[in-house]
Amino acid sequence: METPATVFDLNQLRRSCSSCALYELCLPAGIAGDDLDRLDATVKDKRALDRGAMLYREGDPFEALYVVRSGALKTFVQNEAGDAQILAFHLPGEILGFDALASNLHVSQAEALERSSICELPYAKLQQVTSDVPALHRQLMRVISREVVEEHRHLVMMGRQQAQEQLATFLKNLADRYERLHRDGTSLNLPMSRYDIANYLGLVVETISRLFSRMEEMGVLEVNRKSVRILRPDLLATLCRTDAPSRRNDVG
């Protein structure tokens, strides 16, 4: 029978950055020893979020950045009429909360797409650690830069004329992110709904459903509700190009 001390040690191990499966994604290569211990002291215990739970809302004060440890979240903005525009989907190893850096208030909202857990990084403490650990500061800047690139990519996708190209690019990007997580990039389990995908791409849900069916007919995908298997990554990559064949009347 395990002693209380053993159980405590196991719990500490689960919370430790060095034992986390996302270690290589969140942290720069080479951080170790005292620096890692200091970062461990900064990270709050994991927070669990049920599907549909809000991590933060528009207008909430900026207190922390958040790393998705498991599950997935979406960030979105909402107008006075209640209409939402999805800005991004966040997978394990990805950081959110940067929207509040400028004004110290969140200008978007973050909602769990499925049961998720996150690591909370109180920003004041994080600043202290990054000022003393240059490698960690560079990694944080790299992550912020990646977020900017993703925002630009989203704008480009929404501005394209071909709906098939938009969906293909979305799926290819998701597959690439899966591979970064050391998962099978050809077997996707979509945490978001068809409606969410349509909203994110600026299309209508009927168009998304029609395009999934067409890609199945073309032999590119095999779709079973939220499970999508990429059968022909080469054809998917071809559909991501602007010169790929598509029907203009599929614009949502």
C-alpha atoms as a PDB file:
ATOM      1  CA  MET A   1       0.000   0.000   0.000  1.00  0.00           C
ATOM      2  CA  GLU A   2       1.341   3.433  -0.952  1.00  0.00           C
ATOM      3  CA  THR A   3       2.278   5.837   1.801  1.00  0.00           C
ATOM      4  CA  PRO A   4       0.965   9.405   1.797  1.00  0.00           C
ATOM      5  CA  ALA A   5       4.495  10.606   0.970  1.00  0.00           C
ATOM      6  CA  THR A   6       4.584   8.447  -2.167  1.00  0.00           C
ATOM      7  CA  VAL A   7       1.227   9.750  -3.323  1.00  0.00           C
ATOM      8  CA  PHE A   8       2.392  13.309  -2.753  1.00  0.00           C
ATOM      9  CA  ASP A   9       5.519  12.729  -4.814  1.00  0.00           C
ATOM     10  CA  LEU A  10       3.466  11.312  -7.689  1.00  0.00           C
ATOM     11  CA  ASN A  11       1.164  14.306  -7.633  1.00  0.00           C
ATOM     12  CA  GLN A  12       4.157  16.641  -7.701  1.00  0.00           C
ATOM     13  CA  LEU A  13       5.540  14.693 -10.652  1.00  0.00           C
ATOM     14  CA  ARG A  14       2.304  15.111 -12.607  1.00  0.00           C
ATOM     15  CA  ARG A  15       2.420  18.860 -12.062  1.00  0.00           C
ATOM     16  CA  SER A  16       6.077  19.207 -12.968  1.00  0.00           C
ATOM     17  CA  CYS A  17       6.937  20.845 -16.277  1.00  0.00           C
ATOM     18  CA  SER A  18       9.815  18.402 -16.729  1.00  0.00           C
ATOM     19  CA  SER A  19       7.421  15.419 -16.682  1.00  0.00           C
ATOM     20  CA  CYS A  20       4.745  16.988 -18.895  1.00  0.00           C
ATOM     21  CA  ALA A  21       4.233  15.481 -22.351  1.00  0.00           C
ATOM     22  CA  LEU A  22       4.167  19.045 -23.748  1.00  0.00           C
ATOM     23  CA  TYR A  23       7.595  19.933 -22.335  1.00  0.00           C
ATOM     24  CA  GLU A  24       9.271  20.232 -25.753  1.00  0.00           C
ATOM     25  CA  LEU A  25       6.484  22.438 -27.119  1.00  0.00           C
ATOM     26  CA  CYS A  26       6.223  24.926 -24.271  1.00  0.00           C
ATOM     27  CA  LEU A  27       9.851  25.260 -23.239  1.00  0.00           C
ATOM     28  CA  PRO A  28      13.083  26.095 -25.068  1.00  0.00           C
ATOM     29  CA  ALA A  29      15.724  23.404 -25.532  1.00  0.00           C
ATOM     30  CA  GLY A  30      18.255  23.288 -22.748  1.00  0.00           C
ATOM     31  CA  ILE A  31      16.260  24.780 -19.885  1.00  0.00           C
ATOM     32  CA  ALA A  32      16.942  22.673 -16.831  1.00  0.00           C
ATOM     33  CA  GLY A  33      18.023  22.676 -13.215  1.00  0.00           C
ATOM     34  CA  ASP A  34      17.233  25.726 -11.131  1.00  0.00           C
ATOM     35  CA  ASP A  35      15.557  27.532 -14.051  1.00  0.00           C
ATOM     36  CA  LEU A  36      13.088  24.678 -14.505  1.00  0.00           C
ATOM     37  CA  ASP A  37      12.400  24.585 -10.776  1.00  0.00           C
ATOM     38  CA  ARG A  38      11.617  28.314 -10.850  1.00  0.00           C
ATOM     39  CA  LEU A  39       9.235  27.844 -13.736  1.00  0.00           C
ATOM     40  CA  ASP A  40       7.538  24.971 -11.923  1.00  0.00           C
ATOM     41  CA  ALA A  41       6.963  27.303  -8.989  1.00  0.00           C
ATOM     42  CA  THR A  42       5.335  29.822 -11.353  1.00  0.00           C
ATOM     43  CA  VAL A  43       2.846  27.431 -12.966  1.00  0.00           C
ATOM     44  CA  LYS A  44      -0.377  27.043 -11.043  1.00  0.00           C
ATOM     45  CA  ASP A  45      -1.991  23.623 -10.696  1.00  0.00           C
ATOM     46  CA  LYS A  46      -3.930  22.378 -13.677  1.00  0.00           C
ATOM     47  CA  ARG A  47      -7.419  23.788 -14.147  1.00  0.00           C
ATOM     48  CA  ALA A  48     -10.101  21.498 -15.535  1.00  0.00           C
ATOM     49  CA  LEU A  49     -12.767  22.883 -17.854  1.00  0.00           C
ATOM     50  CA  ASP A  50     -15.904  21.049 -18.898  1.00  0.00           C
ATOM     51  CA  ARG A  51     -17.158  21.338 -22.468  1.00  0.00           C
ATOM     52  CA  GLY A  52     -18.693  24.801 -22.931  1.00  0.00           C
ATOM     53  CA  ALA A  53     -16.982  26.282 -19.863  1.00  0.00           C
ATOM     54  CA  MET A  54     -15.403  29.722 -20.248  1.00  0.00           C
ATOM     55  CA  LEU A  55     -11.732  30.248 -19.458  1.00  0.00           C
ATOM     56  CA  TYR A  56     -12.077  34.028 -19.737  1.00  0.00           C
ATOM     57  CA  ARG A  57     -14.568  36.537 -21.127  1.00  0.00           C
ATOM     58  CA  GLU A  58     -14.266  39.850 -22.924  1.00  0.00           C
ATOM     59  CA  GLY A  59     -13.488  42.584 -20.407  1.00  0.00           C
ATOM     60  CA  ASP A  60     -11.908  40.255 -17.836  1.00  0.00           C
ATOM     61  CA  PRO A  61      -8.685  41.658 -16.353  1.00  0.00           C
ATOM     62  CA  PHE A  62      -5.450  40.210 -17.673  1.00  0.00           C
ATOM     63  CA  GLU A  63      -3.858  38.035 -15.008  1.00  0.00           C
ATOM     64  CA  ALA A  64      -2.303  35.051 -16.762  1.00  0.00           C
ATOM     65  CA  LEU A  65      -1.405  33.229 -19.946  1.00  0.00           C
ATOM     66  CA  TYR A  66      -2.735  29.713 -20.391  1.00  0.00           C
ATOM     67  CA  VAL A  67      -1.245  26.571 -21.910  1.00  0.00           C
ATOM     68  CA  VAL A  68      -3.677  23.937 -23.177  1.00  0.00           C
ATOM     69  CA  ARG A  69      -2.535  20.697 -21.574  1.00  0.00           C
ATOM     70  CA  SER A  70      -5.313  18.465 -22.914  1.00  0.00           C
ATOM     71  CA  GLY A  71      -8.517  18.969 -24.892  1.00  0.00           C
ATOM     72  CA  ALA A  72      -9.113  22.036 -27.067  1.00  0.00           C
ATOM     73  CA  LEU A  73     -10.499  25.576 -26.813  1.00  0.00           C
ATOM     74  CA  LYS A  74     -11.785  28.211 -29.194  1.00  0.00           C
ATOM     75  CA  THR A  75     -11.384  31.963 -28.918  1.00  0.00           C
ATOM     76  CA  PHE A  76     -13.965  34.315 -30.383  1.00  0.00           C
ATOM     77  CA  VAL A  77     -15.352  37.836 -30.341  1.00  0.00           C
ATOM     78  CA  GLN A  78     -19.028  38.704 -30.037  1.00  0.00           C
ATOM     79  CA  ASN A  79     -20.962  41.803 -31.090  1.00  0.00           C
ATOM     80  CA  GLU A  80     -23.813  43.488 -29.252  1.00  0.00           C
ATOM     81  CA  ALA A  81     -26.370  41.366 -31.109  1.00  0.00           C
ATOM     82  CA  GLY A  82     -24.688  38.215 -29.833  1.00  0.00           C
ATOM     83  CA  ASP A  83     -23.191  37.204 -33.179  1.00  0.00           C
ATOM     84  CA  ALA A  84     -19.830  35.481 -32.736  1.00  0.00           C
ATOM     85  CA  GLN A  85     -16.759  35.282 -34.957  1.00  0.00           C
ATOM     86  CA  ILE A  86     -14.314  32.509 -34.102  1.00  0.00           C
ATOM     87  CA  LEU A  87     -10.704  33.688 -34.155  1.00  0.00           C
ATOM     88  CA  ALA A  88      -8.764  30.502 -33.461  1.00  0.00           C
ATOM     89  CA  PHE A  89      -8.800  26.931 -32.208  1.00  0.00           C
ATOM     90  CA  HIS A  90      -6.214  26.003 -29.584  1.00  0.00           C
ATOM     91  CA  LEU A  91      -4.738  22.504 -29.235  1.00  0.00           C
ATOM     92  CA  PRO A  92      -2.490  20.986 -26.525  1.00  0.00           C
ATOM     93  CA  GLY A  93       0.828  22.785 -26.174  1.00  0.00           C
ATOM     94  CA  GLU A  94      -0.556  26.059 -27.489  1.00  0.00           C
ATOM     95  CA  ILE A  95      -0.768  29.251 -25.444  1.00  0.00           C
ATOM     96  CA  LEU A  96      -3.685  31.664 -25.304  1.00  0.00           C
ATOM     97  CA  GLY A  97      -4.453  34.923 -23.539  1.00  0.00           C
ATOM     98  CA  PHE A  98      -2.185  37.202 -25.601  1.00  0.00           C
ATOM     99  CA  ASP A  99      -5.178  39.334 -26.617  1.00  0.00           C
ATOM    100  CA  ALA A 100      -4.991  41.147 -23.265  1.00  0.00           C
ATOM    101  CA  LEU A 101      -1.330  42.162 -23.427  1.00  0.00           C
ATOM    102  CA  ALA A 102      -1.998  45.622 -24.882  1.00  0.00           C
ATOM    103  CA  SER A 103      -4.837  46.859 -22.676  1.00  0.00           C
ATOM    104  CA  ASN A 104      -4.637  44.504 -19.671  1.00  0.00           C
ATOM    105  CA  LEU A 105      -8.191  43.463 -20.509  1.00  0.00           C
ATOM    106  CA  HIS A 106      -9.255  40.484 -22.596  1.00  0.00           C
ATOM    107  CA  VAL A 107     -10.815  41.580 -25.895  1.00  0.00           C
ATOM    108  CA  SER A 108     -11.971  38.064 -26.815  1.00  0.00           C
ATOM    109  CA  GLN A 109     -13.487  35.058 -25.078  1.00  0.00           C
ATOM    110  CA  ALA A 110     -12.125  31.534 -24.642  1.00  0.00           C
ATOM    111  CA  GLU A 111     -14.396  28.487 -24.403  1.00  0.00           C
ATOM    112  CA  ALA A 112     -13.610  24.787 -23.995  1.00  0.00           C
ATOM    113  CA  LEU A 113     -14.671  22.709 -27.018  1.00  0.00           C
ATOM    114  CA  GLU A 114     -14.408  19.513 -24.966  1.00  0.00           C
ATOM    115  CA  ARG A 115     -13.302  18.569 -21.483  1.00  0.00           C
ATOM    116  CA  SER A 116      -9.908  20.213 -21.205  1.00  0.00           C
ATOM    117  CA  SER A 117      -7.165  21.002 -18.749  1.00  0.00           C
ATOM    118  CA  ILE A 118      -4.925  24.031 -18.799  1.00  0.00           C
ATOM    119  CA  CYS A 119      -1.801  25.246 -17.020  1.00  0.00           C
ATOM    120  CA  GLU A 120      -2.146  28.790 -15.719  1.00  0.00           C
ATOM    121  CA  LEU A 121       0.907  31.053 -15.940  1.00  0.00           C
ATOM    122  CA  PRO A 122       0.365  34.159 -13.757  1.00  0.00           C
ATOM    123  CA  TYR A 123       1.865  36.891 -15.921  1.00  0.00           C
ATOM    124  CA  ALA A 124       3.521  38.923 -13.164  1.00  0.00           C
ATOM    125  CA  LYS A 125       5.451  35.881 -11.958  1.00  0.00           C
ATOM    126  CA  LEU A 126       6.159  34.786 -15.526  1.00  0.00           C
ATOM    127  CA  GLN A 127       7.750  38.161 -16.265  1.00  0.00           C
ATOM    128  CA  GLN A 128      10.071  37.736 -13.298  1.00  0.00           C
ATOM    129  CA  VAL A 129      11.203  34.325 -14.502  1.00  0.00           C
ATOM    130  CA  THR A 130      11.639  35.310 -18.156  1.00  0.00           C
ATOM    131  CA  SER A 131      13.728  38.356 -17.200  1.00  0.00           C
ATOM    132  CA  ASP A 132      16.208  36.007 -15.529  1.00  0.00           C
ATOM    133  CA  VAL A 133      15.994  33.184 -18.100  1.00  0.00           C
ATOM    134  CA  PRO A 134      16.690  34.667 -21.563  1.00  0.00           C
ATOM    135  CA  ALA A 135      15.969  31.371 -23.339  1.00  0.00           C
ATOM    136  CA  LEU A 136      12.460  31.306 -21.900  1.00  0.00           C
ATOM    137  CA  HIS A 137      11.883  34.932 -22.927  1.00  0.00           C
ATOM    138  CA  ARG A 138      12.920  34.130 -26.495  1.00  0.00           C
ATOM    139  CA  GLN A 139      10.574  31.148 -26.522  1.00  0.00           C
ATOM    140  CA  LEU A 140       7.682  33.320 -25.355  1.00  0.00           C
ATOM    141  CA  MET A 141       8.391  35.847 -28.122  1.00  0.00           C
ATOM    142  CA  ARG A 142       8.504  32.974 -30.618  1.00  0.00           C
ATOM    143  CA  VAL A 143       5.093  31.768 -29.485  1.00  0.00           C
ATOM    144  CA  ILE A 144       3.641  35.282 -29.779  1.00  0.00           C
ATOM    145  CA  SER A 145       5.087  35.523 -33.292  1.00  0.00           C
ATOM    146  CA  ARG A 146       3.481  32.202 -34.188  1.00  0.00           C
ATOM    147  CA  GLU A 147       0.128  33.520 -33.002  1.00  0.00           C
ATOM    148  CA  VAL A 148       0.501  36.562 -35.281  1.00  0.00           C
ATOM    149  CA  VAL A 149       1.334  34.293 -38.231  1.00  0.00           C
ATOM    150  CA  GLU A 150      -1.770  32.192 -37.531  1.00  0.00           C
ATOM    151  CA  GLU A 151      -3.934  35.333 -37.454  1.00  0.00           C
ATOM    152  CA  HIS A 152      -2.539  36.409 -40.832  1.00  0.00           C
ATOM    153  CA  ARG A 153      -3.166  32.929 -42.239  1.00  0.00           C
ATOM    154  CA  HIS A 154      -6.757  33.088 -41.005  1.00  0.00           C
ATOM    155  CA  LEU A 155      -7.323  36.434 -42.724  1.00  0.00           C
ATOM    156  CA  VAL A 156      -5.875  35.070 -45.962  1.00  0.00           C
ATOM    157  CA  MET A 157      -8.148  32.014 -45.788  1.00  0.00           C
ATOM    158  CA  MET A 158     -11.248  34.127 -45.224  1.00  0.00           C
ATOM    159  CA  GLY A 159     -10.321  36.377 -48.154  1.00  0.00           C
ATOM    160  CA  ARG A 160      -9.953  33.576 -50.671  1.00  0.00           C
ATOM    161  CA  GLN A 161     -12.613  33.004 -53.315  1.00  0.00           C
ATOM    162  CA  GLN A 162     -12.589  29.203 -53.268  1.00  0.00           C
ATOM    163  CA  ALA A 163     -14.366  27.511 -50.390  1.00  0.00           C
ATOM    164  CA  GLN A 164     -12.787  24.129 -51.165  1.00  0.00           C
ATOM    165  CA  GLU A 165      -9.327  25.658 -50.867  1.00  0.00           C
ATOM    166  CA  GLN A 166     -10.260  27.236 -47.528  1.00  0.00           C
ATOM    167  CA  LEU A 167     -11.391  23.936 -46.009  1.00  0.00           C
ATOM    168  CA  ALA A 168      -8.420  22.032 -47.449  1.00  0.00           C
ATOM    169  CA  THR A 169      -6.008  24.600 -46.002  1.00  0.00           C
ATOM    170  CA  PHE A 170      -7.750  24.392 -42.630  1.00  0.00           C
ATOM    171  CA  LEU A 171      -7.445  20.583 -42.551  1.00  0.00           C
ATOM    172  CA  LYS A 172      -3.824  20.652 -43.736  1.00  0.00           C
ATOM    173  CA  ASN A 173      -2.926  23.173 -41.029  1.00  0.00           C
ATOM    174  CA  LEU A 174      -4.674  21.019 -38.419  1.00  0.00           C
ATOM    175  CA  ALA A 175      -2.769  17.935 -39.622  1.00  0.00           C
ATOM    176  CA  ASP A 176       0.528  19.839 -39.339  1.00  0.00           C
ATOM    177  CA  ARG A 177      -0.320  20.862 -35.778  1.00  0.00           C
ATOM    178  CA  TYR A 178      -1.184  17.240 -34.911  1.00  0.00           C
ATOM    179  CA  GLU A 179       2.234  16.149 -36.169  1.00  0.00           C
ATOM    180  CA  ARG A 180       3.875  18.821 -34.016  1.00  0.00           C
ATOM    181  CA  LEU A 181       2.158  17.106 -31.077  1.00  0.00           C
ATOM    182  CA  HIS A 182       3.694  13.797 -32.239  1.00  0.00           C
ATOM    183  CA  ARG A 183       0.248  12.522 -33.218  1.00  0.00           C
ATOM    184  CA  ASP A 184      -0.829  10.876 -36.436  1.00  0.00           C
ATOM    185  CA  GLY A 185      -1.383  13.793 -38.809  1.00  0.00           C
ATOM    186  CA  THR A 186      -3.570  11.681 -41.092  1.00  0.00           C
ATOM    187  CA  SER A 187      -6.096  10.754 -38.382  1.00  0.00           C
ATOM    188  CA  LEU A 188      -7.870  13.833 -37.061  1.00  0.00           C
ATOM    189  CA  ASN A 189     -10.470  13.969 -34.314  1.00  0.00           C
ATOM    190  CA  LEU A 190     -12.109  17.357 -34.792  1.00  0.00           C
ATOM    191  CA  PRO A 191     -13.014  18.903 -31.419  1.00  0.00           C
ATOM    192  CA  MET A 192     -14.966  21.661 -33.144  1.00  0.00           C
ATOM    193  CA  SER A 193     -18.396  21.380 -34.779  1.00  0.00           C
ATOM    194  CA  ARG A 194     -19.136  21.874 -38.486  1.00  0.00           C
ATOM    195  CA  TYR A 195     -20.795  25.142 -37.488  1.00  0.00           C
ATOM    196  CA  ASP A 196     -17.585  26.275 -35.754  1.00  0.00           C
ATOM    197  CA  ILE A 197     -15.511  25.438 -38.837  1.00  0.00           C
ATOM    198  CA  ALA A 198     -17.951  27.328 -41.056  1.00  0.00           C
ATOM    199  CA  ASN A 199     -17.885  30.337 -38.749  1.00  0.00           C
ATOM    200  CA  TYR A 200     -14.083  30.325 -38.605  1.00  0.00           C
ATOM    201  CA  LEU A 201     -13.775  30.207 -42.410  1.00  0.00           C
ATOM    202  CA  GLY A 202     -16.573  32.690 -43.094  1.00  0.00           C
ATOM    203  CA  LEU A 203     -18.720  30.086 -44.864  1.00  0.00           C
ATOM    204  CA  VAL A 204     -22.119  28.507 -44.197  1.00  0.00           C
ATOM    205  CA  VAL A 205     -22.448  25.118 -42.551  1.00  0.00           C
ATOM    206  CA  GLU A 206     -24.165  23.598 -45.595  1.00  0.00           C
ATOM    207  CA  THR A 207     -21.104  24.432 -47.673  1.00  0.00           C
ATOM    208  CA  ILE A 208     -18.802  22.738 -45.159  1.00  0.00           C
ATOM    209  CA  SER A 209     -20.923  19.571 -45.172  1.00  0.00           C
ATOM    210  CA  ARG A 210     -21.022  19.560 -48.977  1.00  0.00           C
ATOM    211  CA  LEU A 211     -17.258  20.018 -49.248  1.00  0.00           C
ATOM    212  CA  PHE A 212     -16.547  17.165 -46.831  1.00  0.00           C
ATOM    213  CA  SER A 213     -18.783  14.920 -48.956  1.00  0.00           C
ATOM    214  CA  ARG A 214     -17.023  16.012 -52.133  1.00  0.00           C
ATOM    215  CA  MET A 215     -13.574  15.343 -50.682  1.00  0.00           C
ATOM    216  CA  GLU A 216     -14.773  11.880 -49.703  1.00  0.00           C
ATOM    217  CA  GLU A 217     -15.956  11.277 -53.265  1.00  0.00           C
ATOM    218  CA  MET A 218     -12.555  12.415 -54.555  1.00  0.00           C
ATOM    219  CA  GLY A 219     -10.823   9.899 -52.279  1.00  0.00           C
ATOM    220  CA  VAL A 220      -9.044  12.607 -50.277  1.00  0.00           C
ATOM    221  CA  LEU A 221     -10.778  11.984 -46.942  1.00  0.00           C
ATOM    222  CA  GLU A 222     -12.738   9.403 -45.023  1.00  0.00           C
ATOM    223  CA  VAL A 223     -15.220  11.136 -42.716  1.00  0.00           C
ATOM    224  CA  ASN A 224     -17.107   9.606 -39.796  1.00  0.00           C
ATOM    225  CA  ARG A 225     -18.792  12.405 -37.879  1.00  0.00           C
ATOM    226  CA  LYS A 226     -15.913  14.175 -36.067  1.00  0.00           C
ATOM    227  CA  SER A 227     -13.278  11.654 -37.138  1.00  0.00           C
ATOM    228  CA  VAL A 228     -11.492  12.582 -40.370  1.00  0.00           C
ATOM    229  CA  ARG A 229      -8.889  10.317 -41.935  1.00  0.00           C
ATOM    230  CA  ILE A 230      -6.705  11.864 -44.627  1.00  0.00           C
ATOM    231  CA  LEU A 231      -6.309   9.147 -47.259  1.00  0.00           C
ATOM    232  CA  ARG A 232      -4.388  11.221 -49.802  1.00  0.00           C
ATOM    233  CA  PRO A 233      -2.232  13.920 -48.166  1.00  0.00           C
ATOM    234  CA  ASP A 234      -0.825  14.719 -51.608  1.00  0.00           C
ATOM    235  CA  LEU A 235      -4.279  15.507 -53.011  1.00  0.00           C
ATOM    236  CA  LEU A 236      -5.139  17.548 -49.917  1.00  0.00           C
ATOM    237  CA  ALA A 237      -1.977  19.606 -50.451  1.00  0.00           C
ATOM    238  CA  THR A 238      -2.986  20.126 -54.090  1.00  0.00           C
ATOM    239  CA  LEU A 239      -6.416  21.399 -53.028  1.00  0.00           C
ATOM    240  CA  CYS A 240      -4.702  23.975 -50.800  1.00  0.00           C
ATOM    241  CA  ARG A 241      -3.288  25.741 -53.853  1.00  0.00           C
ATOM    242  CA  THR A 242      -5.196  28.545 -55.529  1.00  0.00           C
ATOM    243  CA  ASP A 243      -5.041  26.815 -58.904  1.00  0.00           C
ATOM    244  CA  ALA A 244      -6.769  23.674 -57.601  1.00  0.00           C
ATOM    245  CA  PRO A 245     -10.173  22.943 -59.193  1.00  0.00           C
ATOM    246  CA  SER A 246     -13.140  24.200 -57.212  1.00  0.00           C
ATOM    247  CA  ARG A 247     -16.700  25.370 -57.818  1.00  0.00           C
ATOM    248  CA  ARG A 248     -17.300  29.080 -57.277  1.00  0.00           C
ATOM    249  CA  ASN A 249     -20.876  28.500 -56.169  1.00  0.00           C
ATOM    250  CA  ASP A 250     -19.579  26.837 -52.993  1.00  0.00           C
ATOM    251  CA  VAL A 251     -18.689  30.180 -51.463  1.00  0.00           C
ATOM    252  CA  GLY A 252     -20.681  30.632 -48.242  1.00  0.00           C
END
